[in-house]
Protein backbone atom coordinates (compact mmCIF):
# COMPACT_ATOMS: atom_id res chain seq x y z
CA MET A 1 -5.71 -0.29 0.99
CA SER A 2 -5.88 -2.05 4.43
CA ARG A 3 -2.65 -3.75 5.46
CA ARG A 4 -2.76 -4.09 9.21
CA GLY A 5 -1.66 -6.73 11.65
CA LEU A 6 0.49 -9.49 10.15
CA LEU A 7 1.49 -10.66 13.60
CA ARG A 8 -1.30 -9.11 15.65
CA SER A 9 -2.66 -12.31 17.14
CA ALA A 10 0.36 -14.60 17.05
CA ALA A 11 4.12 -14.47 16.92
CA PHE A 12 5.85 -15.78 13.81
CA GLY A 13 5.86 -19.54 13.86
CA ALA A 14 2.74 -19.94 15.99
CA GLY A 15 1.36 -22.70 13.83
CA ALA A 16 -1.11 -23.82 16.46
CA VAL A 17 -3.48 -20.98 15.63
CA THR A 18 -6.25 -22.07 13.28
CA LEU A 19 -6.39 -20.18 10.01
CA PRO A 20 -9.83 -18.80 9.18
CA SER A 21 -11.47 -21.09 6.67
CA LEU A 22 -12.22 -18.30 4.23
CA LEU A 23 -8.49 -17.65 3.82
CA ALA A 24 -7.60 -21.30 3.22
CA ALA A 25 -6.46 -22.07 -0.30
CA CYS A 26 -8.33 -24.45 -2.55
CA ASP A 27 -5.38 -26.85 -2.67
CA SER A 28 -5.84 -29.97 -4.75
CA GLY A 29 -2.52 -31.49 -3.76
CA PRO A 30 0.68 -32.16 -5.72
CA GLY A 31 0.02 -32.70 -9.40
CA GLY A 32 -3.64 -31.82 -9.24
CA ASP A 33 -4.94 -30.02 -12.35
CA ALA A 34 -1.62 -28.56 -13.47
CA LYS A 35 -3.33 -26.19 -15.90
CA THR A 36 -5.23 -24.37 -13.15
CA VAL A 37 -3.28 -21.74 -11.23
CA ARG A 38 -4.76 -21.02 -7.81
CA LEU A 39 -4.41 -17.40 -6.79
CA GLY A 40 -4.99 -15.74 -3.41
CA SER A 41 -6.48 -12.27 -3.87
CA ASN A 42 -6.93 -9.45 -1.38
CA SER A 43 -8.79 -7.30 -3.91
CA SER A 44 -12.27 -7.59 -2.47
CA ASP A 45 -13.42 -4.08 -3.38
CA ALA A 46 -15.63 -4.00 -6.47
CA VAL A 47 -13.44 -1.99 -8.86
CA PRO A 48 -10.12 -3.88 -8.52
CA LYS A 49 -11.95 -7.21 -8.20
CA LYS A 50 -13.53 -6.73 -11.63
CA ALA A 51 -10.29 -5.44 -13.13
CA PHE A 52 -8.38 -8.51 -11.97
CA ALA A 53 -11.17 -10.77 -13.21
CA ASP A 54 -10.80 -9.17 -16.66
CA ALA A 55 -7.04 -9.67 -16.60
CA PHE A 56 -7.21 -13.31 -15.50
CA LYS A 57 -9.89 -14.06 -18.09
CA ALA A 58 -7.67 -12.57 -20.78
CA TYR A 59 -4.79 -14.75 -19.60
CA GLY A 60 -6.90 -17.87 -20.05
CA GLN A 61 -8.05 -16.78 -23.49
CA GLN A 62 -4.50 -16.27 -24.74
CA SER A 63 -3.08 -19.44 -23.19
CA LYS A 64 -2.28 -21.98 -25.89
CA GLU A 65 -1.96 -24.66 -23.21
CA GLY A 66 -5.47 -24.01 -21.90
CA ARG A 67 -4.33 -22.67 -18.54
CA THR A 68 -6.79 -20.85 -16.29
CA VAL A 69 -6.73 -18.93 -13.01
CA LYS A 70 -8.92 -19.91 -10.05
CA VAL A 71 -9.17 -16.92 -7.72
CA ASN A 72 -9.63 -17.17 -3.94
CA THR A 73 -10.78 -13.64 -3.05
CA VAL A 74 -10.78 -12.69 0.62
CA ASP A 75 -11.83 -9.50 2.40
CA HIS A 76 -8.85 -7.16 2.29
CA ASN A 77 -8.44 -6.72 6.03
CA THR A 78 -8.85 -10.45 6.72
CA PHE A 79 -6.22 -11.31 4.12
CA GLN A 80 -3.71 -8.85 5.57
CA GLU A 81 -4.32 -9.80 9.19
CA ASN A 82 -3.79 -13.50 8.45
CA ILE A 83 -1.09 -13.41 5.77
CA ASN A 84 1.55 -14.79 8.13
CA ARG A 85 -0.40 -17.94 9.02
CA TYR A 86 -1.73 -18.22 5.47
CA LEU A 87 1.80 -18.52 4.07
CA GLN A 88 2.80 -21.03 6.73
CA GLY A 89 -0.31 -23.16 6.16
CA LYS A 90 -1.78 -24.19 2.82
CA PRO A 91 -1.48 -21.12 0.62
CA ASP A 92 -2.55 -20.71 -2.98
CA ASP A 93 0.10 -21.05 -5.69
CA VAL A 94 0.25 -17.33 -6.44
CA PHE A 95 -0.83 -14.52 -4.13
CA MET A 96 -1.07 -10.73 -4.18
CA TRP A 97 1.22 -8.77 -1.92
CA PHE A 98 3.53 -5.77 -1.62
CA ALA A 99 7.04 -4.84 -2.70
CA GLY A 100 9.89 -3.74 -0.48
CA ASN A 101 10.26 -4.76 3.17
CA ARG A 102 6.92 -6.55 3.29
CA MET A 103 8.11 -8.88 0.54
CA GLN A 104 11.66 -9.16 1.89
CA PHE A 105 10.41 -10.21 5.32
CA PHE A 106 8.69 -13.33 3.98
CA ALA A 107 11.50 -14.09 1.55
CA LYS A 108 13.93 -14.09 4.48
CA LYS A 109 11.64 -16.53 6.32
CA GLY A 110 11.78 -18.93 3.37
CA LEU A 111 8.08 -18.59 2.51
CA LEU A 112 8.50 -17.40 -1.09
CA HIS A 113 9.80 -19.01 -4.27
CA ASP A 114 12.74 -17.36 -6.01
CA ILE A 115 11.70 -16.07 -9.47
CA SER A 116 15.07 -14.65 -10.52
CA ASP A 117 14.92 -16.83 -13.64
CA LEU A 118 11.82 -14.95 -14.79
CA TRP A 119 13.41 -11.57 -14.13
CA GLN A 120 16.18 -12.41 -16.61
CA ASN A 121 13.61 -12.04 -19.38
CA PHE A 122 11.31 -9.35 -17.94
CA GLN A 123 11.18 -6.18 -20.03
CA GLY A 124 10.00 -2.67 -19.17
CA PHE A 125 10.83 -2.67 -15.46
CA SER A 126 13.15 0.02 -14.11
CA PRO A 127 16.13 -0.73 -11.83
CA ALA A 128 14.13 0.82 -8.97
CA LEU A 129 11.29 -1.66 -9.55
CA LYS A 130 13.75 -4.53 -9.60
CA ALA A 131 15.31 -3.32 -6.35
CA GLN A 132 11.88 -3.22 -4.68
CA SER A 133 11.26 -6.80 -5.91
CA THR A 134 14.57 -8.14 -4.60
CA GLY A 135 15.19 -9.86 -1.27
CA GLU A 136 18.11 -9.32 1.06
CA ASP A 137 19.79 -12.31 -0.62
CA GLY A 138 19.86 -10.51 -3.98
CA LYS A 139 17.18 -12.75 -5.54
CA GLN A 140 13.88 -11.58 -7.00
CA TYR A 141 10.58 -12.70 -5.49
CA LEU A 142 7.93 -10.29 -6.78
CA THR A 143 6.37 -9.53 -10.16
CA PRO A 144 5.32 -5.86 -9.88
CA TYR A 145 1.94 -4.95 -11.37
CA TYR A 146 1.00 -1.38 -10.49
CA TYR A 147 1.77 1.49 -8.15
CA TYR A 148 0.03 4.62 -6.95
CA PRO A 149 0.96 7.88 -5.21
CA TRP A 150 -0.18 9.27 -1.88
CA ALA A 151 -1.07 12.95 -1.83
CA VAL A 152 -3.69 15.38 -0.49
CA PHE A 153 -6.89 14.68 -2.45
CA HIS A 154 -9.84 17.02 -2.90
CA ARG A 155 -12.73 17.81 -5.24
CA ARG A 156 -12.10 20.33 -8.02
CA SER A 157 -15.66 21.65 -7.73
CA VAL A 158 -15.31 22.35 -4.00
CA PHE A 159 -12.07 24.27 -4.52
CA GLN A 160 -13.63 26.21 -7.40
CA GLN A 161 -16.79 26.98 -5.44
CA HIS A 162 -14.86 28.50 -2.54
CA GLY A 163 -11.90 29.89 -4.47
CA TYR A 164 -9.40 27.67 -2.65
CA GLN A 165 -5.82 27.41 -3.89
CA ALA A 166 -3.59 24.37 -3.40
CA PRO A 167 -1.22 25.17 -0.51
CA LYS A 168 2.51 24.85 -1.02
CA THR A 169 3.69 25.14 2.59
CA LEU A 170 2.51 23.80 5.94
CA ASP A 171 1.42 27.27 7.06
CA GLU A 172 -0.68 27.64 3.90
CA TYR A 173 -2.12 24.15 4.46
CA ILE A 174 -3.24 25.04 7.99
CA ALA A 175 -4.59 28.39 6.81
CA LEU A 176 -6.65 26.59 4.17
CA ALA A 177 -7.96 24.15 6.76
CA ARG A 178 -8.94 27.05 9.00
CA GLN A 179 -10.85 28.66 6.14
CA MET A 180 -12.63 25.39 5.38
CA GLN A 181 -13.82 25.29 8.96
CA LYS A 182 -15.28 28.78 8.53
CA ASP A 183 -17.01 27.53 5.38
CA LYS A 184 -18.68 24.73 7.39
CA LEU A 185 -16.56 21.94 5.91
CA VAL A 186 -14.59 19.30 7.77
CA PRO A 187 -11.13 20.42 6.61
CA ILE A 188 -9.40 17.01 6.55
CA ALA A 189 -11.19 13.67 6.27
CA PHE A 190 -9.44 11.41 8.77
CA CYS A 191 -9.64 7.70 9.62
CA ASP A 192 -7.68 4.95 11.33
CA LYS A 193 -10.05 2.13 12.26
CA ASP A 194 -8.08 -0.07 9.86
CA GLY A 195 -4.83 0.84 11.59
CA TRP A 196 -2.79 1.96 8.57
CA PRO A 197 -4.31 5.11 6.96
CA VAL A 198 -2.69 7.70 9.27
CA MET A 199 0.72 6.17 8.61
CA GLY A 200 0.73 8.14 5.35
CA THR A 201 0.36 11.41 7.23
CA PHE A 202 3.15 10.47 9.66
CA ASP A 203 5.45 9.50 6.79
CA TYR A 204 4.88 12.73 4.90
CA ILE A 205 5.39 14.96 7.94
CA ASN A 206 8.56 13.01 8.74
CA MET A 207 9.99 13.10 5.22
CA ARG A 208 9.07 16.76 4.73
CA THR A 209 10.66 17.63 8.11
CA ASN A 210 13.65 15.28 8.31
CA GLY A 211 14.15 13.92 4.79
CA TYR A 212 13.85 10.51 3.17
CA ASP A 213 17.11 9.12 4.57
CA PHE A 214 15.91 9.65 8.13
CA HIS A 215 12.56 8.01 7.27
CA ARG A 216 14.39 5.01 5.82
CA ASP A 217 16.68 4.62 8.83
CA LEU A 218 13.86 5.14 11.32
CA MET A 219 11.80 2.43 9.63
CA ALA A 220 14.84 0.13 9.58
CA GLY A 221 15.26 0.46 13.35
CA LYS A 222 18.52 2.40 13.00
CA GLU A 223 17.25 5.60 14.62
CA ALA A 224 15.75 6.09 18.07
CA TRP A 225 12.10 7.08 18.35
CA THR A 226 13.08 9.34 21.26
CA ASP A 227 15.17 11.45 18.87
CA LYS A 228 14.13 15.10 18.90
CA ARG A 229 13.44 14.84 15.16
CA VAL A 230 10.68 12.30 15.82
CA LYS A 231 9.21 14.46 18.55
CA GLU A 232 9.14 17.34 16.08
CA VAL A 233 7.05 15.20 13.72
CA PHE A 234 4.43 14.59 16.40
CA ASP A 235 4.52 18.23 17.50
CA THR A 236 3.86 19.32 13.90
CA TRP A 237 1.07 16.79 13.59
CA ARG A 238 -0.57 18.25 16.70
CA ARG A 239 -0.89 21.54 14.82
CA ILE A 240 -2.89 19.76 12.12
CA LEU A 241 -5.09 17.52 14.29
CA PRO A 242 -7.62 20.24 15.28
CA TYR A 243 -8.64 20.40 11.61
CA CYS A 244 -8.99 16.63 11.19
CA GLN A 245 -12.27 14.71 11.29
CA LYS A 246 -13.09 13.69 14.86
CA GLY A 247 -13.41 10.05 15.88
CA ALA A 248 -10.80 8.80 13.42
CA ASN A 249 -10.11 5.56 15.32
CA GLY A 250 -13.68 4.46 14.71
CA ARG A 251 -13.83 5.37 11.00
CA THR A 252 -12.83 3.17 8.03
CA TRP A 253 -10.94 4.56 5.07
CA GLN A 254 -14.01 3.98 2.89
CA GLU A 255 -16.11 6.15 5.20
CA ALA A 256 -13.52 8.92 5.20
CA ALA A 257 -13.28 8.84 1.39
CA GLN A 258 -17.07 8.96 1.16
CA SER A 259 -17.13 12.13 3.25
CA LEU A 260 -14.82 13.65 0.64
CA GLN A 261 -17.08 12.40 -2.14
CA LYS A 262 -20.19 13.82 -0.42
CA LYS A 263 -18.51 17.24 -0.11
CA GLU A 264 -18.64 17.05 3.68
CA ALA A 265 -14.83 17.19 3.91
CA GLY A 266 -12.47 19.38 1.95
CA MET A 267 -9.27 17.30 1.82
CA ALA A 268 -7.86 13.86 2.64
CA VAL A 269 -4.35 12.39 2.75
CA PHE A 270 -4.85 9.19 0.76
CA GLY A 271 -3.48 6.94 -1.95
CA LEU A 272 -4.96 7.35 -5.43
CA PRO A 273 -7.15 4.19 -5.22
CA HIS A 274 -8.63 5.13 -1.86
CA ALA A 275 -10.16 8.31 -3.16
CA GLY A 276 -10.96 6.99 -6.62
CA GLN A 277 -12.77 3.82 -5.57
CA GLN A 278 -15.35 5.78 -3.57
CA PHE A 279 -16.30 8.12 -6.41
CA PRO A 280 -18.81 7.07 -9.08
CA VAL A 281 -17.57 7.06 -12.67
CA SER A 282 -19.53 10.23 -13.40
CA GLU A 283 -17.54 12.12 -10.74
CA GLN A 284 -14.04 10.79 -11.40
CA ASP A 285 -13.04 13.93 -13.29
CA ASP A 286 -13.80 15.99 -10.18
CA ILE A 287 -10.99 14.32 -8.18
CA ASP A 288 -7.75 16.24 -7.88
CA PHE A 289 -4.74 16.36 -5.56
CA PHE A 290 -1.73 18.39 -4.55
CA PRO A 291 1.55 17.14 -3.01
CA PHE A 292 1.76 17.10 0.77
CA PRO A 293 3.11 20.60 1.47
CA VAL A 294 6.66 21.67 2.23
CA ILE A 295 7.68 21.84 5.88
CA ASN A 296 11.47 22.09 5.75
CA PRO A 297 12.75 23.80 2.54
CA GLU A 298 15.89 21.67 2.76
CA HIS A 299 13.83 18.61 1.81
CA GLY A 300 11.08 20.36 -0.14
CA LEU A 301 8.88 17.91 -2.07
CA ASP A 302 11.75 15.48 -2.65
CA ALA A 303 9.98 12.32 -1.43
CA VAL A 304 6.74 10.73 -2.60
CA GLU A 305 4.95 7.72 -1.12
CA ALA A 306 4.24 5.38 -4.05
CA PRO A 307 3.58 1.78 -2.93
CA ILE A 308 4.09 -1.03 -5.43
CA ASP A 309 1.79 -4.08 -5.51
CA GLY A 310 2.41 -7.35 -7.31
CA PHE A 311 2.35 -11.15 -7.36
CA LEU A 312 4.48 -13.81 -5.63
CA LEU A 313 4.78 -17.59 -5.46
CA ALA A 314 4.04 -19.24 -2.11
CA LYS A 315 6.73 -21.72 -1.06
CA ASN A 316 4.29 -23.87 0.94
CA SER A 317 1.84 -24.40 -1.90
CA LYS A 318 1.54 -28.17 -2.32
CA ASN A 319 0.76 -27.73 -6.00
CA LEU A 320 4.08 -26.03 -6.68
CA LYS A 321 5.96 -29.11 -5.57
CA ASN A 322 4.91 -30.53 -8.94
CA ALA A 323 6.98 -29.29 -11.91
CA LYS A 324 3.96 -28.85 -14.21
CA ASN A 325 2.09 -26.78 -11.65
CA MET A 326 5.17 -24.62 -11.13
CA GLU A 327 5.44 -24.15 -14.89
CA SER A 328 1.84 -22.94 -15.02
CA ALA A 329 2.28 -20.56 -12.08
CA LYS A 330 5.42 -19.04 -13.60
CA ASP A 331 3.69 -18.75 -16.95
CA LEU A 332 1.00 -16.61 -15.29
CA LEU A 333 3.65 -14.37 -13.71
CA LYS A 334 5.38 -13.96 -17.07
CA TRP A 335 2.11 -12.82 -18.62
CA LEU A 336 1.30 -10.48 -15.73
CA ALA A 337 4.67 -8.80 -16.32
CA THR A 338 3.65 -7.75 -19.85
CA PRO A 339 2.30 -4.35 -20.90
CA LYS A 340 -0.84 -6.01 -22.28
CA ALA A 341 -1.72 -7.52 -18.89
CA GLU A 342 -1.47 -4.10 -17.25
CA ASP A 343 -3.45 -2.42 -20.02
CA ILE A 344 -6.35 -4.83 -19.51
CA TYR A 345 -6.37 -4.26 -15.76
CA LEU A 346 -6.17 -0.47 -15.95
CA ALA A 347 -9.01 -0.34 -18.48
CA SER A 348 -11.33 -1.25 -15.58
CA ASP A 349 -9.40 0.36 -12.72
CA PRO A 350 -8.11 3.87 -13.50
CA ASN A 351 -7.03 4.33 -9.89
CA ASN A 352 -3.52 2.93 -10.34
CA ILE A 353 -0.48 3.47 -12.55
CA ALA A 354 1.19 0.83 -14.72
CA VAL A 355 4.74 -0.11 -13.72
CA ASN A 356 5.78 -1.47 -17.13
CA SER A 357 7.23 1.25 -19.36
CA GLY A 358 5.60 -0.41 -22.37
CA ALA A 359 2.07 -0.01 -21.04
CA ASP A 360 -0.34 2.17 -23.05
CA THR A 361 -0.73 5.48 -21.25
CA SER A 362 -2.65 7.20 -24.06
CA LYS A 363 -5.96 6.53 -22.31
CA TYR A 364 -4.78 7.70 -18.90
CA SER A 365 -7.10 10.12 -17.16
CA ALA A 366 -5.87 13.57 -16.20
CA LEU A 367 -5.49 12.26 -12.64
CA GLN A 368 -3.33 9.34 -13.75
CA LYS A 369 -1.14 11.61 -15.86
CA LYS A 370 -0.73 13.97 -12.92
CA SER A 371 0.18 10.99 -10.73
CA VAL A 372 2.91 9.93 -13.15
CA GLU A 373 4.31 13.47 -13.12
CA LEU A 374 4.32 13.55 -9.32
CA ILE A 375 6.18 10.26 -9.02
CA SER A 376 8.60 10.83 -11.90
CA GLY A 377 9.55 14.20 -10.43
CA ALA A 378 10.40 12.77 -7.01
CA LYS A 379 14.00 12.36 -5.90
CA GLN A 380 13.04 9.54 -3.52
CA ILE A 381 10.13 7.10 -3.42
CA SER A 382 9.00 5.49 -0.19
CA GLN A 383 6.75 2.45 0.08
CA PHE A 384 4.67 3.51 3.12
CA MET A 385 5.41 2.93 6.80
CA ASP A 386 3.98 -0.58 7.06
CA ARG A 387 5.93 -1.62 3.96
CA ASP A 388 9.20 0.13 4.83
CA THR A 389 9.58 -1.49 8.25
CA ARG A 390 9.27 -4.94 9.79
CA PRO A 391 5.67 -6.18 9.72
CA ASP A 392 5.74 -7.12 13.40
CA PHE A 393 6.95 -3.64 14.37
CA SER A 394 4.32 -2.05 12.17
CA SER A 395 1.41 -4.12 13.44
CA THR A 396 2.16 -4.66 17.12
CA VAL A 397 3.82 -1.31 17.86
CA MET A 398 2.99 1.41 15.36
CA ILE A 399 -0.70 0.72 14.76
CA PRO A 400 -1.63 1.01 18.46
CA ALA A 401 0.88 3.82 19.02
CA LEU A 402 -0.55 6.05 16.29
CA GLN A 403 -4.10 5.29 17.36
CA LYS A 404 -3.12 6.24 20.90
CA PHE A 405 -1.60 9.49 19.65
CA ILE A 406 -4.78 10.39 17.78
CA GLY A 407 -6.81 9.71 20.91
CA ASN A 408 -4.43 11.63 23.18
CA PRO A 409 -1.87 13.78 21.33
CA ASN A 410 -0.56 15.56 24.43
CA ASP A 411 1.86 12.95 25.81
CA VAL A 412 4.45 12.79 23.06
CA ASP A 413 7.31 11.96 25.45
CA GLY A 414 5.44 8.99 26.89
CA LEU A 415 4.47 7.84 23.40
CA VAL A 416 7.96 7.87 21.89
CA ASN A 417 9.50 6.30 25.01
CA ASP A 418 7.08 3.38 24.69
CA ILE A 419 7.77 2.98 20.96
CA GLU A 420 11.51 3.12 21.55
CA ARG A 421 11.39 0.44 24.24
CA GLN A 422 9.60 -1.92 21.86
CA ARG A 423 11.85 -0.99 18.92
CA LYS A 424 14.92 -2.09 20.86
CA SER A 425 13.31 -5.44 21.68
CA ILE A 426 12.02 -6.21 18.19
CA PHE A 427 14.99 -5.08 16.12
CA ALA A 428 17.43 -6.76 18.50
CA ALA A 429 16.13 -10.03 17.05
CA ASP A 430 17.62 -9.22 13.62
């Protein structure tokens, strides 16, 4: 899922920049059509777009008050790159976004409505889900909807054809990649044109090497990027890069996933939807994964990246200044928090996992069941680099830094010194 550049083109508060018209909400003004909830969607890919359409249609059908959802769907990258100005301008009533730091950042800026009153009656959400939906002020702002794990994905048939075994350690992972090269495969599909995909690889190498606590503190700006532990992450990554698809900075995640689907590449570090959405239904059963391998036995496979997506209320929505419109928007969130709402969505999109414990998992695919096992067995769950840190640090510092590393991995000292200089400046503003 593309999530780059919240503050790429403007600092927070730069209201003079014109918001692209396709991201502008269809705002009818205070009190206008209180039974229609306007929703900003970043799910422009075909599979999730249809799944959400099914869910919103079902909401309208069950609404005794005749409420409906009017969806404003925007290209995923465009939505992410302009979310900051979108929320400061004329946003929709409800919008899709992410849990954790990415939600907390906008809550702290006063751009989200508090929905703690709804959380008092929510059922089926774990304490961990509530924590990821809670701002720094202790109030809840997000209704979680689904989550998905990151792992090393591959095709069962390719592994069976060549007799490959899932590696458990970094040395085994590199040995497998070397064998794939001999077998005329690109060992690891690799991409970063969108700016975020390689963050998953960095996070896993970091957590496997230094543990989750160090990852958390590094993302929070509490650790220096010049620390020898960070340099070790990049040094380890350099061992893997020779087996990665060349030209990653010019390749989209869809293109990388398609190379896996076409059996041109043997493996890819992705989230479950990224692999799944590029495989036709007839080939879904051929998708498999293994956990990113162990690097430091002290930390083993303790941590798993499992981002949580959900829905929020935009504070600057003119409609929500009217009590009846607010009632309708909250009614939608209450319904989206139910097991039934998740069941309807997942019936059309098997590339995610329900967050509500009451959701029907009997129809889960083998891949979904394996995903649940991976996440439930983890001691720590991270949200992904660009969700675990400040959005301005992620977009203006880490996206170009990681792209620079991929283009020239030999100057690690210069790279971390530059990141550290910017970290000090950005986090000093907290």
